[in-house]
Amino acid sequence: MLDLSLPTGLRDLLPDHSAHLAELSGRLQQVFASFGYRRLFLPTLERLDVVERGLSASALADVMKFVEPGSGEVVAIRPDITPQIARLYASRPDALPSPARLCYDGPVLRAREARAGRPREVYQAGVELLGAGGARYDAEALLVLAKALDSVGLGQAVIEVGHARFAAAAIEAAGLPKKALAEAWDALARKDEGVLTALAAKGRGAVSARHALPRLAGLYGDGALKRARVFARTVPGCGPALAEVEAALKLARRQGLGEVAVDLGEARGLGYYTGLTFAGYAPGAGAAVATGGRYDQLLGRFGRPGPAIGFGIDLEFATQALERAATARPRRAAPRR
């Protein structure tokens, strides 16, 4: 008997759900266009060596690759769209002068599930701002994300801001042994001050930096920036990252950005973030509906060095949040006759 099931982690999207995703993507593209971002359509296959340039070693484990019958080349199904855009930007400076504001939508496919029940094929929509660095453009990315989420009905989503180098500078200053680094990042992801305290005792860095390390887990929530300023006075290497976060937030707030959360102990990363990072969390979604940040070293891997920042919105999680919000919304009583 013919097995009509799909491979693990893949699923069909029926008409109602497909229409919802298409509408969501269309509204996001309208917001992106209003900020001057131009839409791209990109192939789902890339040469493996191109993909390898744009991902971390851990992310490469999620790449599906095969030998193309016609050419014999090893190609990969894209697990992330940002490296594709970096490749295009590097190869077409004539068509994409700096700064280039680009937007996209489409699926990405991973070789395995990130966790049980999570689809391997994910539909995304996002923006990339290439060839532009500094607080002005960090602020622009935050504003575009906030406007995009609001436009699709996720105005209650919380945007959380961090920095890729803050925690890294703190861990480096503590002088942890190489074999303890992975455990330190895991503990930080769990906000586990106890484990960080134990690991700090093994460090060979300045005593002040080792004593400060456990406090890194608490640099989120109300008063996070104030606590981070005190932390940075103890661990000066964290100062430049903190200054970049504060400069971006100051500019973005002047231009209308609402309240955001701050987490300078954030341990999330895709292997190419170098500066400001941010994520959007909406009630009812199983994970972040949006993630992004600054990745100033990625473009150089493709031969056209320059700063860059961008984000992607997970259309599935955004839809999940919207549907659950609609279900939770109380119905109005029918008028009495």
C-alpha atoms as a PDB file:
ATOM      1  CA  MET A   1       0.000   0.000   0.000  1.00  0.00           C
ATOM      2  CA  LEU A   2       1.271   3.458  -0.879  1.00  0.00           C
ATOM      3  CA  ASP A   3       2.339   5.466   2.176  1.00  0.00           C
ATOM      4  CA  LEU A   4       0.829   8.945   1.767  1.00  0.00           C
ATOM      5  CA  SER A   5       2.449  10.403   4.885  1.00  0.00           C
ATOM      6  CA  LEU A   6       5.092  13.126   4.726  1.00  0.00           C
ATOM      7  CA  PRO A   7       8.680  12.865   5.961  1.00  0.00           C
ATOM      8  CA  THR A   8       9.160  13.631   9.657  1.00  0.00           C
ATOM      9  CA  GLY A   9       8.886  17.316  10.478  1.00  0.00           C
ATOM     10  CA  LEU A  10       7.062  18.301   7.285  1.00  0.00           C
ATOM     11  CA  ARG A  11       3.381  19.072   6.845  1.00  0.00           C
ATOM     12  CA  ASP A  12       0.807  20.252   4.350  1.00  0.00           C
ATOM     13  CA  LEU A  13      -0.821  23.629   4.871  1.00  0.00           C
ATOM     14  CA  LEU A  14      -4.526  23.513   4.035  1.00  0.00           C
ATOM     15  CA  PRO A  15      -6.317  26.400   2.256  1.00  0.00           C
ATOM     16  CA  ASP A  16      -7.461  28.369   5.318  1.00  0.00           C
ATOM     17  CA  HIS A  17      -4.064  28.202   6.988  1.00  0.00           C
ATOM     18  CA  SER A  18      -2.261  28.948   3.726  1.00  0.00           C
ATOM     19  CA  ALA A  19      -4.472  31.986   3.134  1.00  0.00           C
ATOM     20  CA  HIS A  20      -3.694  33.250   6.630  1.00  0.00           C
ATOM     21  CA  LEU A  21       0.061  32.923   6.095  1.00  0.00           C
ATOM     22  CA  ALA A  22      -0.178  34.647   2.708  1.00  0.00           C
ATOM     23  CA  GLU A  23      -2.170  37.539   4.186  1.00  0.00           C
ATOM     24  CA  LEU A  24       0.284  37.878   7.056  1.00  0.00           C
ATOM     25  CA  SER A  25       3.257  37.935   4.709  1.00  0.00           C
ATOM     26  CA  GLY A  26       1.554  40.479   2.445  1.00  0.00           C
ATOM     27  CA  ARG A  27       0.942  42.881   5.307  1.00  0.00           C
ATOM     28  CA  LEU A  28       4.532  42.552   6.472  1.00  0.00           C
ATOM     29  CA  GLN A  29       5.836  43.264   2.981  1.00  0.00           C
ATOM     30  CA  GLN A  30       3.753  46.449   2.892  1.00  0.00           C
ATOM     31  CA  VAL A  31       5.412  47.658   6.090  1.00  0.00           C
ATOM     32  CA  PHE A  32       8.866  46.766   4.812  1.00  0.00           C
ATOM     33  CA  ALA A  33       8.202  48.647   1.571  1.00  0.00           C
ATOM     34  CA  SER A  34       7.042  51.725   3.510  1.00  0.00           C
ATOM     35  CA  PHE A  35      10.555  51.920   5.020  1.00  0.00           C
ATOM     36  CA  GLY A  36      12.206  51.609   1.602  1.00  0.00           C
ATOM     37  CA  TYR A  37      12.977  47.871   1.604  1.00  0.00           C
ATOM     38  CA  ARG A  38      12.784  46.143  -1.777  1.00  0.00           C
ATOM     39  CA  ARG A  39      11.582  42.591  -2.127  1.00  0.00           C
ATOM     40  CA  LEU A  40      13.749  39.710  -3.341  1.00  0.00           C
ATOM     41  CA  PHE A  41      12.890  36.205  -4.520  1.00  0.00           C
ATOM     42  CA  LEU A  42      15.695  33.731  -3.902  1.00  0.00           C
ATOM     43  CA  PRO A  43      16.265  30.099  -4.920  1.00  0.00           C
ATOM     44  CA  THR A  44      15.836  27.325  -2.390  1.00  0.00           C
ATOM     45  CA  LEU A  45      19.111  25.660  -3.471  1.00  0.00           C
ATOM     46  CA  GLU A  46      22.618  27.047  -2.984  1.00  0.00           C
ATOM     47  CA  ARG A  47      26.074  25.616  -3.523  1.00  0.00           C
ATOM     48  CA  LEU A  48      27.200  23.993  -0.308  1.00  0.00           C
ATOM     49  CA  ASP A  49      30.403  26.038  -0.143  1.00  0.00           C
ATOM     50  CA  VAL A  50      28.305  29.227  -0.205  1.00  0.00           C
ATOM     51  CA  VAL A  51      26.091  27.979   2.620  1.00  0.00           C
ATOM     52  CA  GLU A  52      29.139  26.919   4.650  1.00  0.00           C
ATOM     53  CA  ARG A  53      30.548  30.448   4.498  1.00  0.00           C
ATOM     54  CA  GLY A  54      27.407  31.889   6.055  1.00  0.00           C
ATOM     55  CA  LEU A  55      26.704  29.554   8.968  1.00  0.00           C
ATOM     56  CA  SER A  56      28.359  28.484  12.193  1.00  0.00           C
ATOM     57  CA  ALA A  57      29.693  24.948  12.584  1.00  0.00           C
ATOM     58  CA  SER A  58      26.732  23.997  14.783  1.00  0.00           C
ATOM     59  CA  ALA A  59      24.208  25.382  12.292  1.00  0.00           C
ATOM     60  CA  LEU A  60      25.801  23.383   9.474  1.00  0.00           C
ATOM     61  CA  ALA A  61      24.589  20.215  11.153  1.00  0.00           C
ATOM     62  CA  ASP A  62      21.066  21.236  10.126  1.00  0.00           C
ATOM     63  CA  VAL A  63      21.872  21.591   6.421  1.00  0.00           C
ATOM     64  CA  MET A  64      20.298  19.162   3.952  1.00  0.00           C
ATOM     65  CA  LYS A  65      22.734  18.551   1.111  1.00  0.00           C
ATOM     66  CA  PHE A  66      22.968  16.324  -1.941  1.00  0.00           C
ATOM     67  CA  VAL A  67      24.794  15.934  -5.259  1.00  0.00           C
ATOM     68  CA  GLU A  68      23.002  17.669  -8.112  1.00  0.00           C
ATOM     69  CA  PRO A  69      22.492  15.123 -10.936  1.00  0.00           C
ATOM     70  CA  GLY A  70      23.174  17.518 -13.814  1.00  0.00           C
ATOM     71  CA  SER A  71      26.406  19.157 -12.661  1.00  0.00           C
ATOM     72  CA  GLY A  72      27.724  16.822  -9.972  1.00  0.00           C
ATOM     73  CA  GLU A  73      28.028  19.796  -7.618  1.00  0.00           C
ATOM     74  CA  VAL A  74      27.192  19.449  -3.927  1.00  0.00           C
ATOM     75  CA  VAL A  75      24.249  21.738  -3.215  1.00  0.00           C
ATOM     76  CA  ALA A  76      22.193  22.497  -0.118  1.00  0.00           C
ATOM     77  CA  ILE A  77      18.615  23.423   0.622  1.00  0.00           C
ATOM     78  CA  ARG A  78      18.756  26.749   2.401  1.00  0.00           C
ATOM     79  CA  PRO A  79      18.449  26.555   6.204  1.00  0.00           C
ATOM     80  CA  ASP A  80      18.665  30.354   6.512  1.00  0.00           C
ATOM     81  CA  ILE A  81      18.009  33.185   4.047  1.00  0.00           C
ATOM     82  CA  THR A  82      20.459  35.794   5.368  1.00  0.00           C
ATOM     83  CA  PRO A  83      23.597  34.106   3.917  1.00  0.00           C
ATOM     84  CA  GLN A  84      21.843  33.947   0.533  1.00  0.00           C
ATOM     85  CA  ILE A  85      21.268  37.683   0.605  1.00  0.00           C
ATOM     86  CA  ALA A  86      24.900  38.236   1.631  1.00  0.00           C
ATOM     87  CA  ARG A  87      25.982  36.178  -1.394  1.00  0.00           C
ATOM     88  CA  LEU A  88      23.748  38.180  -3.737  1.00  0.00           C
ATOM     89  CA  TYR A  89      24.891  41.507  -2.289  1.00  0.00           C
ATOM     90  CA  ALA A  90      28.530  40.529  -2.825  1.00  0.00           C
ATOM     91  CA  SER A  91      27.981  39.309  -6.379  1.00  0.00           C
ATOM     92  CA  ARG A  92      25.868  42.231  -7.632  1.00  0.00           C
ATOM     93  CA  PRO A  93      27.291  45.560  -6.407  1.00  0.00           C
ATOM     94  CA  ASP A  94      26.045  47.107  -9.646  1.00  0.00           C
ATOM     95  CA  ALA A  95      22.416  46.342  -8.802  1.00  0.00           C
ATOM     96  CA  LEU A  96      22.716  46.620  -5.007  1.00  0.00           C
ATOM     97  CA  PRO A  97      24.695  49.735  -4.014  1.00  0.00           C
ATOM     98  CA  SER A  98      25.212  50.500  -0.328  1.00  0.00           C
ATOM     99  CA  PRO A  99      23.213  50.852   1.751  1.00  0.00           C
ATOM    100  CA  ALA A 100      20.915  48.166   0.359  1.00  0.00           C
ATOM    101  CA  ARG A 101      17.512  47.720   1.988  1.00  0.00           C
ATOM    102  CA  LEU A 102      16.132  44.314   1.022  1.00  0.00           C
ATOM    103  CA  CYS A 103      13.214  42.181   2.187  1.00  0.00           C
ATOM    104  CA  TYR A 104      12.067  38.642   1.496  1.00  0.00           C
ATOM    105  CA  ASP A 105       9.682  35.869   2.362  1.00  0.00           C
ATOM    106  CA  GLY A 106       9.802  32.122   1.835  1.00  0.00           C
ATOM    107  CA  PRO A 107      10.557  28.767   3.441  1.00  0.00           C
ATOM    108  CA  VAL A 108      13.780  27.462   4.950  1.00  0.00           C
ATOM    109  CA  LEU A 109      14.394  23.774   5.626  1.00  0.00           C
ATOM    110  CA  ARG A 110      16.444  22.130   8.358  1.00  0.00           C
ATOM    111  CA  ALA A 111      17.688  18.535   8.356  1.00  0.00           C
ATOM    112  CA  ARG A 112      16.238  17.868  11.776  1.00  0.00           C
ATOM    113  CA  GLU A 113      13.655  19.257  14.160  1.00  0.00           C
ATOM    114  CA  ALA A 114      14.905  21.922  16.549  1.00  0.00           C
ATOM    115  CA  ARG A 115      12.727  20.194  19.115  1.00  0.00           C
ATOM    116  CA  ALA A 116       9.957  17.625  19.106  1.00  0.00           C
ATOM    117  CA  GLY A 117       6.909  18.804  17.217  1.00  0.00           C
ATOM    118  CA  ARG A 118       8.671  21.807  15.642  1.00  0.00           C
ATOM    119  CA  PRO A 119       8.384  21.767  11.826  1.00  0.00           C
ATOM    120  CA  ARG A 120      11.630  21.416   9.902  1.00  0.00           C
ATOM    121  CA  GLU A 121      10.280  23.665   7.159  1.00  0.00           C
ATOM    122  CA  VAL A 122       9.728  27.189   8.460  1.00  0.00           C
ATOM    123  CA  TYR A 123       8.138  30.117   6.616  1.00  0.00           C
ATOM    124  CA  GLN A 124       9.820  33.447   7.217  1.00  0.00           C
ATOM    125  CA  ALA A 125       9.531  37.089   6.211  1.00  0.00           C
ATOM    126  CA  GLY A 126      12.242  39.592   7.020  1.00  0.00           C
ATOM    127  CA  VAL A 127      14.528  42.467   6.124  1.00  0.00           C
ATOM    128  CA  GLU A 128      18.256  42.985   5.696  1.00  0.00           C
ATOM    129  CA  LEU A 129      20.005  46.359   5.748  1.00  0.00           C
ATOM    130  CA  LEU A 130      23.422  45.894   4.138  1.00  0.00           C
ATOM    131  CA  GLY A 131      26.358  48.290   4.075  1.00  0.00           C
ATOM    132  CA  ALA A 132      25.137  50.473   6.949  1.00  0.00           C
ATOM    133  CA  GLY A 133      26.457  50.489  10.505  1.00  0.00           C
ATOM    134  CA  GLY A 134      25.980  52.457  13.681  1.00  0.00           C
ATOM    135  CA  ALA A 135      23.228  53.440  16.088  1.00  0.00           C
ATOM    136  CA  ARG A 136      21.101  55.117  13.423  1.00  0.00           C
ATOM    137  CA  TYR A 137      20.619  51.854  11.546  1.00  0.00           C
ATOM    138  CA  ASP A 138      20.313  49.740  14.682  1.00  0.00           C
ATOM    139  CA  ALA A 139      17.445  52.030  15.657  1.00  0.00           C
ATOM    140  CA  GLU A 140      15.899  51.689  12.202  1.00  0.00           C
ATOM    141  CA  ALA A 141      15.841  47.894  12.466  1.00  0.00           C
ATOM    142  CA  LEU A 142      14.091  48.092  15.843  1.00  0.00           C
ATOM    143  CA  LEU A 143      11.511  50.524  14.482  1.00  0.00           C
ATOM    144  CA  VAL A 144      10.777  48.396  11.411  1.00  0.00           C
ATOM    145  CA  LEU A 145      10.318  45.312  13.588  1.00  0.00           C
ATOM    146  CA  ALA A 146       7.999  47.115  16.006  1.00  0.00           C
ATOM    147  CA  LYS A 147       5.906  48.523  13.157  1.00  0.00           C
ATOM    148  CA  ALA A 148       5.774  45.146  11.418  1.00  0.00           C
ATOM    149  CA  LEU A 149       4.541  43.313  14.507  1.00  0.00           C
ATOM    150  CA  ASP A 150       1.977  46.005  15.225  1.00  0.00           C
ATOM    151  CA  SER A 151       0.678  45.942  11.648  1.00  0.00           C
ATOM    152  CA  VAL A 152      -0.271  42.262  11.839  1.00  0.00           C
ATOM    153  CA  GLY A 153      -1.977  42.519  15.218  1.00  0.00           C
ATOM    154  CA  LEU A 154       0.964  41.680  17.459  1.00  0.00           C
ATOM    155  CA  GLY A 155       1.336  45.099  19.021  1.00  0.00           C
ATOM    156  CA  GLN A 156       1.435  43.465  22.475  1.00  0.00           C
ATOM    157  CA  ALA A 157       4.562  41.504  21.569  1.00  0.00           C
ATOM    158  CA  VAL A 158       7.596  42.273  23.713  1.00  0.00           C
ATOM    159  CA  ILE A 159      10.767  43.220  21.872  1.00  0.00           C
ATOM    160  CA  GLU A 160      13.804  42.079  23.846  1.00  0.00           C
ATOM    161  CA  VAL A 161      17.142  43.771  23.098  1.00  0.00           C
ATOM    162  CA  GLY A 162      20.608  42.453  23.863  1.00  0.00           C
ATOM    163  CA  HIS A 163      24.119  42.491  22.460  1.00  0.00           C
ATOM    164  CA  ALA A 164      26.234  39.630  21.124  1.00  0.00           C
ATOM    165  CA  ARG A 165      29.464  40.914  22.671  1.00  0.00           C
ATOM    166  CA  PHE A 166      28.352  41.861  26.183  1.00  0.00           C
ATOM    167  CA  ALA A 167      28.176  38.370  27.677  1.00  0.00           C
ATOM    168  CA  ALA A 168      31.143  37.219  25.587  1.00  0.00           C
ATOM    169  CA  ALA A 169      33.291  40.034  27.008  1.00  0.00           C
ATOM    170  CA  ALA A 170      32.263  39.137  30.558  1.00  0.00           C
ATOM    171  CA  ILE A 171      33.079  35.451  30.114  1.00  0.00           C
ATOM    172  CA  GLU A 172      36.395  36.296  28.470  1.00  0.00           C
ATOM    173  CA  ALA A 173      37.340  38.660  31.305  1.00  0.00           C
ATOM    174  CA  ALA A 174      36.666  35.907  33.844  1.00  0.00           C
ATOM    175  CA  GLY A 175      39.313  33.778  32.133  1.00  0.00           C
ATOM    176  CA  LEU A 176      37.385  30.519  32.225  1.00  0.00           C
ATOM    177  CA  PRO A 177      39.183  27.363  31.072  1.00  0.00           C
ATOM    178  CA  LYS A 178      38.359  26.425  27.492  1.00  0.00           C
ATOM    179  CA  LYS A 179      36.640  23.214  28.572  1.00  0.00           C
ATOM    180  CA  ALA A 180      34.267  25.231  30.804  1.00  0.00           C
ATOM    181  CA  LEU A 181      33.061  27.645  28.134  1.00  0.00           C
ATOM    182  CA  ALA A 182      30.224  25.514  26.778  1.00  0.00           C
ATOM    183  CA  GLU A 183      28.968  24.871  30.323  1.00  0.00           C
ATOM    184  CA  ALA A 184      29.087  28.601  31.048  1.00  0.00           C
ATOM    185  CA  TRP A 185      26.985  29.447  28.005  1.00  0.00           C
ATOM    186  CA  ASP A 186      24.494  26.717  28.894  1.00  0.00           C
ATOM    187  CA  ALA A 187      24.229  28.047  32.446  1.00  0.00           C
ATOM    188  CA  LEU A 188      23.740  31.561  31.152  1.00  0.00           C
ATOM    189  CA  ALA A 189      20.946  30.399  28.875  1.00  0.00           C
ATOM    190  CA  ARG A 190      19.223  28.961  31.983  1.00  0.00           C
ATOM    191  CA  LYS A 191      20.016  32.066  34.080  1.00  0.00           C
ATOM    192  CA  ASP A 192      21.764  29.725  36.535  1.00  0.00           C
ATOM    193  CA  GLU A 193      23.813  31.924  38.866  1.00  0.00           C
ATOM    194  CA  GLY A 194      24.882  28.948  40.987  1.00  0.00           C
ATOM    195  CA  VAL A 195      26.647  27.177  38.139  1.00  0.00           C
ATOM    196  CA  LEU A 196      28.221  30.450  36.968  1.00  0.00           C
ATOM    197  CA  THR A 197      29.540  31.019  40.488  1.00  0.00           C
ATOM    198  CA  ALA A 198      31.137  27.578  40.521  1.00  0.00           C
ATOM    199  CA  LEU A 199      32.669  28.090  37.087  1.00  0.00           C
ATOM    200  CA  ALA A 200      33.963  31.564  37.988  1.00  0.00           C
ATOM    201  CA  ALA A 201      35.998  29.977  40.783  1.00  0.00           C
ATOM    202  CA  LYS A 202      37.931  28.083  38.098  1.00  0.00           C
ATOM    203  CA  GLY A 203      38.719  31.232  36.125  1.00  0.00           C
ATOM    204  CA  ARG A 204      42.098  32.892  35.816  1.00  0.00           C
ATOM    205  CA  GLY A 205      40.902  36.381  34.988  1.00  0.00           C
ATOM    206  CA  ALA A 206      40.778  39.432  37.240  1.00  0.00           C
ATOM    207  CA  VAL A 207      39.194  38.715  40.620  1.00  0.00           C
ATOM    208  CA  SER A 208      36.631  41.465  40.063  1.00  0.00           C
ATOM    209  CA  ALA A 209      35.572  39.946  36.727  1.00  0.00           C
ATOM    210  CA  ARG A 210      35.239  36.466  38.232  1.00  0.00           C
ATOM    211  CA  HIS A 211      33.135  37.787  41.103  1.00  0.00           C
ATOM    212  CA  ALA A 212      30.942  39.705  38.643  1.00  0.00           C
ATOM    213  CA  LEU A 213      30.299  36.771  36.298  1.00  0.00           C
ATOM    214  CA  PRO A 214      27.291  35.275  38.166  1.00  0.00           C
ATOM    215  CA  ARG A 215      25.539  38.665  38.045  1.00  0.00           C
ATOM    216  CA  LEU A 216      25.488  38.370  34.268  1.00  0.00           C
ATOM    217  CA  ALA A 217      22.507  36.010  34.624  1.00  0.00           C
ATOM    218  CA  GLY A 218      20.470  38.787  36.243  1.00  0.00           C
ATOM    219  CA  LEU A 219      20.944  41.510  33.644  1.00  0.00           C
ATOM    220  CA  TYR A 220      17.384  41.384  32.348  1.00  0.00           C
ATOM    221  CA  GLY A 221      13.987  42.787  33.266  1.00  0.00           C
ATOM    222  CA  ASP A 222      13.245  46.022  35.110  1.00  0.00           C
ATOM    223  CA  GLY A 223      16.352  48.068  35.791  1.00  0.00           C
ATOM    224  CA  ALA A 224      18.553  45.897  33.557  1.00  0.00           C
ATOM    225  CA  LEU A 225      20.359  48.841  31.961  1.00  0.00           C
ATOM    226  CA  LYS A 226      21.089  50.409  35.346  1.00  0.00           C
ATOM    227  CA  ARG A 227      22.523  47.136  36.650  1.00  0.00           C
ATOM    228  CA  ALA A 228      24.476  46.717  33.410  1.00  0.00           C
ATOM    229  CA  ARG A 229      26.151  50.099  33.890  1.00  0.00           C
ATOM    230  CA  VAL A 230      27.369  48.994  37.321  1.00  0.00           C
ATOM    231  CA  PHE A 231      28.495  45.662  35.846  1.00  0.00           C
ATOM    232  CA  ALA A 232      30.410  47.410  33.044  1.00  0.00           C
ATOM    233  CA  ARG A 233      32.319  49.504  35.558  1.00  0.00           C
ATOM    234  CA  THR A 234      33.545  46.241  37.083  1.00  0.00           C
ATOM    235  CA  VAL A 235      34.149  44.576  33.706  1.00  0.00           C
ATOM    236  CA  PRO A 236      35.220  47.425  31.371  1.00  0.00           C
ATOM    237  CA  GLY A 237      35.295  45.142  28.335  1.00  0.00           C
ATOM    238  CA  CYS A 238      31.492  45.150  28.412  1.00  0.00           C
ATOM    239  CA  GLY A 239      31.314  48.937  28.125  1.00  0.00           C
ATOM    240  CA  PRO A 240      31.397  49.312  24.313  1.00  0.00           C
ATOM    241  CA  ALA A 241      28.563  46.804  23.832  1.00  0.00           C
ATOM    242  CA  LEU A 242      26.437  48.536  26.466  1.00  0.00           C
ATOM    243  CA  ALA A 243      27.072  51.916  24.821  1.00  0.00           C
ATOM    244  CA  GLU A 244      25.832  50.573  21.483  1.00  0.00           C
ATOM    245  CA  VAL A 245      22.626  49.269  23.040  1.00  0.00           C
ATOM    246  CA  GLU A 246      21.915  52.530  24.828  1.00  0.00           C
ATOM    247  CA  ALA A 247      22.641  54.638  21.737  1.00  0.00           C
ATOM    248  CA  ALA A 248      20.293  52.556  19.566  1.00  0.00           C
ATOM    249  CA  LEU A 249      17.493  52.655  22.114  1.00  0.00           C
ATOM    250  CA  LYS A 250      17.866  56.401  22.613  1.00  0.00           C
ATOM    251  CA  LEU A 251      17.520  57.087  18.889  1.00  0.00           C
ATOM    252  CA  ALA A 252      14.690  54.604  18.387  1.00  0.00           C
ATOM    253  CA  ARG A 253      12.696  56.053  21.279  1.00  0.00           C
ATOM    254  CA  ARG A 254      13.042  59.529  19.820  1.00  0.00           C
ATOM    255  CA  GLN A 255      11.426  58.163  16.677  1.00  0.00           C
ATOM    256  CA  GLY A 256       8.516  56.537  18.491  1.00  0.00           C
ATOM    257  CA  LEU A 257       9.693  53.117  19.676  1.00  0.00           C
ATOM    258  CA  GLY A 258       7.653  51.994  22.674  1.00  0.00           C
ATOM    259  CA  GLU A 259       8.816  50.049  25.687  1.00  0.00           C
ATOM    260  CA  VAL A 260      11.265  47.204  25.126  1.00  0.00           C
ATOM    261  CA  ALA A 261      12.820  44.618  27.422  1.00  0.00           C
ATOM    262  CA  VAL A 262      16.592  44.340  27.838  1.00  0.00           C
ATOM    263  CA  ASP A 263      18.572  41.143  28.385  1.00  0.00           C
ATOM    264  CA  LEU A 264      22.335  41.588  28.300  1.00  0.00           C
ATOM    265  CA  GLY A 265      22.922  38.029  29.465  1.00  0.00           C
ATOM    266  CA  GLU A 266      21.270  36.620  26.350  1.00  0.00           C
ATOM    267  CA  ALA A 267      23.054  33.516  25.075  1.00  0.00           C
ATOM    268  CA  ARG A 268      21.098  33.016  21.826  1.00  0.00           C
ATOM    269  CA  GLY A 269      22.966  33.218  18.526  1.00  0.00           C
ATOM    270  CA  LEU A 270      23.261  31.898  14.988  1.00  0.00           C
ATOM    271  CA  GLY A 271      27.015  32.163  14.813  1.00  0.00           C
ATOM    272  CA  TYR A 272      27.199  35.440  12.906  1.00  0.00           C
ATOM    273  CA  TYR A 273      25.826  38.129  15.240  1.00  0.00           C
ATOM    274  CA  THR A 274      28.395  40.723  16.262  1.00  0.00           C
ATOM    275  CA  GLY A 275      26.415  43.575  17.833  1.00  0.00           C
ATOM    276  CA  LEU A 276      22.879  44.506  18.799  1.00  0.00           C
ATOM    277  CA  THR A 277      20.510  41.529  18.949  1.00  0.00           C
ATOM    278  CA  PHE A 278      16.756  41.482  19.383  1.00  0.00           C
ATOM    279  CA  ALA A 279      13.794  39.148  19.482  1.00  0.00           C
ATOM    280  CA  GLY A 280      10.021  39.509  19.557  1.00  0.00           C
ATOM    281  CA  TYR A 281       7.903  37.477  21.967  1.00  0.00           C
ATOM    282  CA  ALA A 282       4.123  37.327  21.649  1.00  0.00           C
ATOM    283  CA  PRO A 283       1.674  35.703  24.095  1.00  0.00           C
ATOM    284  CA  GLY A 284       0.471  32.366  22.757  1.00  0.00           C
ATOM    285  CA  ALA A 285       3.486  31.647  20.534  1.00  0.00           C
ATOM    286  CA  GLY A 286       5.615  28.608  21.272  1.00  0.00           C
ATOM    287  CA  ALA A 287       8.851  30.554  20.766  1.00  0.00           C
ATOM    288  CA  ALA A 288      10.076  33.937  19.536  1.00  0.00           C
ATOM    289  CA  VAL A 289       8.021  35.274  16.631  1.00  0.00           C
ATOM    290  CA  ALA A 290      11.022  37.279  15.426  1.00  0.00           C
ATOM    291  CA  THR A 291      14.797  37.197  15.840  1.00  0.00           C
ATOM    292  CA  GLY A 292      17.566  39.338  14.428  1.00  0.00           C
ATOM    293  CA  GLY A 293      20.603  41.464  15.010  1.00  0.00           C
ATOM    294  CA  ARG A 294      23.781  42.985  13.665  1.00  0.00           C
ATOM    295  CA  TYR A 295      26.220  40.777  11.748  1.00  0.00           C
ATOM    296  CA  ASP A 296      29.099  42.982  10.607  1.00  0.00           C
ATOM    297  CA  GLN A 297      31.498  40.158   9.735  1.00  0.00           C
ATOM    298  CA  LEU A 298      29.278  38.042   7.504  1.00  0.00           C
ATOM    299  CA  LEU A 299      29.480  40.127   4.323  1.00  0.00           C
ATOM    300  CA  GLY A 300      33.265  39.958   4.328  1.00  0.00           C
ATOM    301  CA  ARG A 301      33.115  36.172   4.072  1.00  0.00           C
ATOM    302  CA  PHE A 302      31.541  36.639   0.641  1.00  0.00           C
ATOM    303  CA  GLY A 303      34.064  39.215  -0.592  1.00  0.00           C
ATOM    304  CA  ARG A 304      32.251  42.507   0.000  1.00  0.00           C
ATOM    305  CA  PRO A 305      33.002  43.573   3.584  1.00  0.00           C
ATOM    306  CA  GLY A 306      30.638  45.882   5.363  1.00  0.00           C
ATOM    307  CA  PRO A 307      28.240  46.224   8.271  1.00  0.00           C
ATOM    308  CA  ALA A 308      24.759  44.714   8.177  1.00  0.00           C
ATOM    309  CA  ILE A 309      21.693  44.191  10.330  1.00  0.00           C
ATOM    310  CA  GLY A 310      18.398  42.390   9.832  1.00  0.00           C
ATOM    311  CA  PHE A 311      15.675  40.196  11.262  1.00  0.00           C
ATOM    312  CA  GLY A 312      13.302  37.415  10.310  1.00  0.00           C
ATOM    313  CA  ILE A 313       9.705  36.877  11.439  1.00  0.00           C
ATOM    314  CA  ASP A 314       8.500  33.294  11.843  1.00  0.00           C
ATOM    315  CA  LEU A 315       5.104  33.299  10.136  1.00  0.00           C
ATOM    316  CA  GLU A 316       4.013  30.069  11.821  1.00  0.00           C
ATOM    317  CA  PHE A 317       4.633  31.343  15.343  1.00  0.00           C
ATOM    318  CA  ALA A 318       3.104  34.713  14.472  1.00  0.00           C
ATOM    319  CA  THR A 319      -0.016  32.933  13.198  1.00  0.00           C
ATOM    320  CA  GLN A 320      -0.081  30.775  16.324  1.00  0.00           C
ATOM    321  CA  ALA A 321      -0.035  33.849  18.557  1.00  0.00           C
ATOM    322  CA  LEU A 322      -2.792  35.553  16.553  1.00  0.00           C
ATOM    323  CA  GLU A 323      -5.027  32.498  16.546  1.00  0.00           C
ATOM    324  CA  ARG A 324      -4.664  31.926  20.284  1.00  0.00           C
ATOM    325  CA  ALA A 325      -5.306  35.607  20.988  1.00  0.00           C
ATOM    326  CA  ALA A 326      -8.513  35.410  18.929  1.00  0.00           C
ATOM    327  CA  THR A 327      -9.623  32.287  20.797  1.00  0.00           C
ATOM    328  CA  ALA A 328      -8.930  33.870  24.174  1.00  0.00           C
ATOM    329  CA  ARG A 329     -10.761  37.096  23.309  1.00  0.00           C
ATOM    330  CA  PRO A 330     -14.160  37.136  25.068  1.00  0.00           C
ATOM    331  CA  ARG A 331     -17.162  37.119  22.789  1.00  0.00           C
ATOM    332  CA  ARG A 332     -19.652  39.935  23.079  1.00  0.00           C
ATOM    333  CA  ALA A 333     -23.110  38.892  24.185  1.00  0.00           C
ATOM    334  CA  ALA A 334     -25.807  38.949  21.522  1.00  0.00           C
ATOM    335  CA  PRO A 335     -28.159  41.942  21.901  1.00  0.00           C
ATOM    336  CA  ARG A 336     -31.467  41.196  23.559  1.00  0.00           C
ATOM    337  CA  ARG A 337     -34.566  41.495  21.431  1.00  0.00           C
END
